[in-house]
Amino acid sequence: MTPDWDVVGHVISSRHRTLVLGRLAESPATPTQISADVDIASTHVSRALNSLREQGLVELLVPEDRRKGRVYGITTEGSETWELIQSKGLAKE
């Protein structure tokens, strides 16, 4: 896979997107779980998830019309992007 540096840049330009993608690289989670695990407000988690979904890096694992218990997971492209970010030391803590 050729790295998509636009996508990498999009992720690492936001601490929240970086934290959310890194958390989902570990396992699927709800926005509430992500918020608690990475210690950022749920509004930031929601914005980051929407942005990462638009880039095809994360996906909703339950039906779209479900409002409670929405579980998100990382896509193959998301995993590859995260591995690249990690290997190049681009994830800001």
Protein backbone atom coordinates (compact mmCIF):
# COMPACT_ATOMS: atom_id res chain seq x y z
CA MET A 1 0.00 0.00 0.00
CA THR A 2 1.24 3.46 -0.86
CA PRO A 3 0.69 5.73 2.13
CA ASP A 4 -1.92 8.41 1.64
CA TRP A 5 -0.11 11.33 3.24
CA ASP A 6 -3.20 13.55 2.93
CA VAL A 7 -5.07 11.12 5.17
CA VAL A 8 -2.12 10.80 7.58
CA GLY A 9 -1.87 14.58 7.74
CA HIS A 10 -5.60 14.86 8.38
CA VAL A 11 -5.36 12.49 11.36
CA ILE A 12 -2.24 13.94 12.95
CA SER A 13 -3.36 17.55 12.52
CA SER A 14 -5.87 16.90 15.32
CA ARG A 15 -4.94 15.53 18.72
CA HIS A 16 -8.52 14.29 19.11
CA ARG A 17 -8.50 12.38 15.81
CA THR A 18 -5.13 10.87 16.70
CA LEU A 19 -6.36 9.75 20.14
CA VAL A 20 -9.63 8.33 18.80
CA LEU A 21 -7.99 6.40 15.96
CA GLY A 22 -5.34 5.06 18.34
CA ARG A 23 -8.01 3.92 20.79
CA LEU A 24 -10.01 2.16 18.06
CA ALA A 25 -6.82 0.43 16.85
CA GLU A 26 -6.97 -1.49 20.15
CA SER A 27 -10.60 -2.66 19.88
CA PRO A 28 -14.08 -1.50 18.85
CA ALA A 29 -15.77 0.87 21.30
CA THR A 30 -18.67 3.22 21.89
CA PRO A 31 -18.08 6.98 21.92
CA THR A 32 -18.59 6.94 25.71
CA GLN A 33 -15.90 4.28 26.15
CA ILE A 34 -13.52 6.18 23.87
CA SER A 35 -14.16 9.41 25.78
CA ALA A 36 -13.37 7.72 29.10
CA ASP A 37 -10.34 5.81 27.79
CA VAL A 38 -8.57 8.76 26.16
CA ASP A 39 -9.91 11.41 28.56
CA ILE A 40 -11.45 13.86 26.11
CA ALA A 41 -14.99 15.27 26.03
CA SER A 42 -17.61 13.22 24.19
CA THR A 43 -18.33 16.16 21.86
CA HIS A 44 -14.70 16.00 20.66
CA VAL A 45 -14.97 12.23 20.27
CA SER A 46 -18.12 12.60 18.14
CA ARG A 47 -16.50 15.20 15.88
CA ALA A 48 -13.37 13.08 15.52
CA LEU A 49 -15.42 9.96 14.70
CA ASN A 50 -17.39 11.80 12.02
CA SER A 51 -14.21 13.14 10.47
CA LEU A 52 -12.47 9.74 10.58
CA ARG A 53 -15.56 8.08 9.06
CA GLU A 54 -15.52 10.55 6.17
CA GLN A 55 -11.90 9.51 5.50
CA GLY A 56 -12.86 5.81 5.58
CA LEU A 57 -10.68 5.11 8.62
CA VAL A 58 -13.41 4.06 11.06
CA GLU A 59 -16.83 2.52 10.56
CA LEU A 60 -20.05 2.15 12.49
CA LEU A 61 -20.48 -1.52 13.39
CA VAL A 62 -24.20 -1.32 14.28
CA PRO A 63 -27.17 -0.16 12.16
CA GLU A 64 -27.02 3.52 11.20
CA ASP A 65 -30.40 4.28 12.77
CA ARG A 66 -29.34 3.12 16.22
CA ARG A 67 -28.92 6.05 18.60
CA LYS A 68 -27.71 4.29 21.77
CA GLY A 69 -24.90 1.78 21.96
CA ARG A 70 -23.26 2.84 18.70
CA VAL A 71 -20.10 0.78 18.38
CA TYR A 72 -17.29 1.96 16.12
CA GLY A 73 -14.36 -0.02 14.76
CA ILE A 74 -11.28 0.73 12.71
CA THR A 75 -11.21 -0.17 9.00
CA THR A 76 -8.34 -1.89 7.20
CA GLU A 77 -7.30 1.50 5.80
CA GLY A 78 -7.54 2.94 9.31
CA SER A 79 -5.28 0.21 10.68
CA GLU A 80 -2.72 0.74 7.94
CA THR A 81 -2.82 4.51 8.50
CA TRP A 82 -2.40 4.05 12.26
CA GLU A 83 0.54 1.67 11.79
CA LEU A 84 2.23 4.24 9.54
CA ILE A 85 1.61 7.03 12.07
CA GLN A 86 3.08 4.84 14.82
CA SER A 87 6.07 3.66 12.80
CA LYS A 88 7.03 7.21 11.86
CA GLY A 89 6.49 8.51 15.39
CA LEU A 90 3.87 10.96 14.20
CA ALA A 91 1.32 10.47 16.99
CA LYS A 92 1.43 13.43 19.36
CA GLU A 93 0.49 12.62 22.93
